[in-house]
Amino acid sequence: MYDKELVLSIFSQINDALETIKQRSSKANDASFFTDSNEGMEKLDSICMLFIAVGESLKNIDKITDDKLLSKYSEIDWKGIKGFRDIIAHHYFDIDAEQVFWICKYEIDPLVKVVKLIMNELSEV
């Protein structure tokens, strides 16, 4: 059995990071928001840093739970999130602002929903 309090703490950090990503990308109507100004580039940089933190945290959760927890929530592409972390961390200059915009617009809310569900379920046990 794994340390549920530790996993809950990590999920809390992930949730905070996702909420920050939502807030920082809230003014973006398209990818040009991130590329057409210094302010937008700073938002892109900070959002990408948070995506790295989320992906790394999910990798840690997999280690702690022996790959058994996240797999119970197949509606989320956990492998894709961790892979996106790797792309940002190792190929930063190849980041596609369009992809970051799309993820912020369409993928964050469903992920937040599942993260909160997992936190609630872990708290009940």
Protein backbone atom coordinates (compact mmCIF):
# COMPACT_ATOMS: atom_id res chain seq x y z
CA MET A 1 0.00 0.00 0.00
CA TYR A 2 1.21 3.51 -0.72
CA ASP A 3 1.24 6.69 1.37
CA LYS A 4 -2.14 8.26 0.57
CA GLU A 5 -1.34 11.50 2.41
CA LEU A 6 1.74 11.99 0.23
CA VAL A 7 -0.25 11.26 -2.94
CA LEU A 8 -2.99 13.66 -1.80
CA SER A 9 -0.39 16.35 -1.19
CA ILE A 10 1.03 15.88 -4.68
CA PHE A 11 -2.44 16.00 -6.22
CA SER A 12 -3.11 19.22 -4.31
CA GLN A 13 0.00 20.74 -5.87
CA ILE A 14 -1.08 19.50 -9.30
CA ASN A 15 -4.53 21.02 -8.81
CA ASP A 16 -2.99 24.37 -7.80
CA ALA A 17 -0.75 24.31 -10.87
CA LEU A 18 -3.69 23.53 -13.16
CA GLU A 19 -5.75 26.36 -11.67
CA THR A 20 -2.81 28.71 -12.25
CA ILE A 21 -2.53 27.54 -15.86
CA LYS A 22 -6.25 28.24 -16.32
CA GLN A 23 -5.86 31.72 -14.86
CA ARG A 24 -2.76 32.59 -16.89
CA SER A 25 -4.28 31.38 -20.15
CA SER A 26 -7.75 32.83 -19.56
CA LYS A 27 -7.21 35.87 -21.81
CA ALA A 28 -5.97 33.79 -24.74
CA ASN A 29 -8.36 33.64 -27.68
CA ASP A 30 -5.83 31.91 -29.90
CA ALA A 31 -2.16 30.93 -29.97
CA SER A 32 -1.07 34.41 -31.05
CA PHE A 33 -1.77 35.53 -27.48
CA PHE A 34 1.40 33.63 -26.54
CA THR A 35 3.55 34.70 -29.48
CA ASP A 36 2.71 38.31 -30.32
CA SER A 37 3.94 40.12 -27.22
CA ASN A 38 6.50 39.90 -24.46
CA GLU A 39 3.68 39.48 -21.94
CA GLY A 40 2.28 36.57 -23.94
CA MET A 41 5.71 34.94 -24.20
CA GLU A 42 6.12 35.27 -20.44
CA LYS A 43 2.72 33.60 -19.96
CA LEU A 44 3.77 30.80 -22.31
CA ASP A 45 7.02 30.32 -20.41
CA SER A 46 5.29 30.20 -17.04
CA ILE A 47 2.54 27.88 -18.27
CA CYS A 48 5.11 25.51 -19.75
CA MET A 49 7.00 25.46 -16.45
CA LEU A 50 3.78 24.44 -14.71
CA PHE A 51 3.15 21.73 -17.32
CA ILE A 52 6.62 20.37 -16.53
CA ALA A 53 5.77 20.34 -12.81
CA VAL A 54 2.43 18.60 -13.43
CA GLY A 55 4.00 15.95 -15.65
CA GLU A 56 6.84 15.30 -13.22
CA SER A 57 4.39 15.07 -10.33
CA LEU A 58 2.31 12.52 -12.21
CA LYS A 59 5.45 10.47 -12.84
CA ASN A 60 6.12 10.58 -9.09
CA ILE A 61 2.57 9.44 -8.34
CA ASP A 62 3.07 6.49 -10.69
CA LYS A 63 6.25 5.55 -8.80
CA ILE A 64 4.62 5.90 -5.39
CA THR A 65 1.50 3.94 -6.38
CA ASP A 66 3.34 1.33 -8.45
CA ASP A 67 1.46 2.51 -11.58
CA LYS A 68 -1.87 1.42 -10.09
CA LEU A 69 -3.72 4.66 -9.29
CA LEU A 70 -3.78 6.70 -12.49
CA SER A 71 -4.71 3.71 -14.62
CA LYS A 72 -8.07 3.59 -12.82
CA TYR A 73 -8.99 6.89 -14.49
CA SER A 74 -8.65 6.02 -18.16
CA GLU A 75 -10.62 9.05 -19.34
CA ILE A 76 -7.39 11.03 -19.02
CA ASP A 77 -4.37 10.49 -21.28
CA TRP A 78 -1.84 10.30 -18.45
CA LYS A 79 0.91 9.05 -20.76
CA GLY A 80 0.29 12.02 -23.05
CA ILE A 81 0.55 14.49 -20.17
CA LYS A 82 3.83 12.97 -19.01
CA GLY A 83 5.07 12.90 -22.61
CA PHE A 84 4.17 16.57 -23.07
CA ARG A 85 6.30 17.29 -20.00
CA ASP A 86 9.21 15.54 -21.68
CA ILE A 87 8.76 17.52 -24.90
CA ILE A 88 8.75 20.81 -23.03
CA ALA A 89 11.71 19.88 -20.84
CA HIS A 90 13.91 18.44 -23.58
CA HIS A 91 12.79 20.27 -26.75
CA TYR A 92 11.78 23.68 -25.40
CA PHE A 93 12.62 25.57 -28.58
CA ASP A 94 10.29 23.29 -30.53
CA ILE A 95 7.20 24.08 -28.43
CA ASP A 96 4.16 24.79 -30.56
CA ALA A 97 2.14 27.68 -29.09
CA GLU A 98 -0.92 26.36 -30.95
CA GLN A 99 -0.65 23.06 -29.10
CA VAL A 100 -0.22 24.80 -25.74
CA PHE A 101 -3.26 26.98 -26.47
CA TRP A 102 -5.36 23.93 -27.44
CA ILE A 103 -4.37 22.06 -24.29
CA CYS A 104 -5.17 25.08 -22.11
CA LYS A 105 -8.53 25.57 -23.78
CA TYR A 106 -9.76 21.97 -24.06
CA GLU A 107 -7.76 19.67 -21.78
CA ILE A 108 -7.27 21.49 -18.48
CA ASP A 109 -10.90 21.51 -17.28
CA PRO A 110 -11.43 17.75 -17.76
CA LEU A 111 -8.10 17.11 -16.05
CA VAL A 112 -9.01 19.34 -13.09
CA LYS A 113 -12.30 17.48 -12.76
CA VAL A 114 -10.56 14.09 -12.56
CA VAL A 115 -7.83 15.37 -10.23
CA LYS A 116 -10.50 16.63 -7.84
CA LEU A 117 -12.36 13.32 -8.12
CA ILE A 118 -9.20 11.40 -7.25
CA MET A 119 -8.53 13.71 -4.30
CA ASN A 120 -12.05 13.23 -3.01
CA GLU A 121 -11.84 9.46 -3.35
CA LEU A 122 -8.46 9.30 -1.61
CA SER A 123 -9.79 11.48 1.21
CA GLU A 124 -12.74 9.13 1.80
CA VAL A 125 -10.63 6.02 2.26
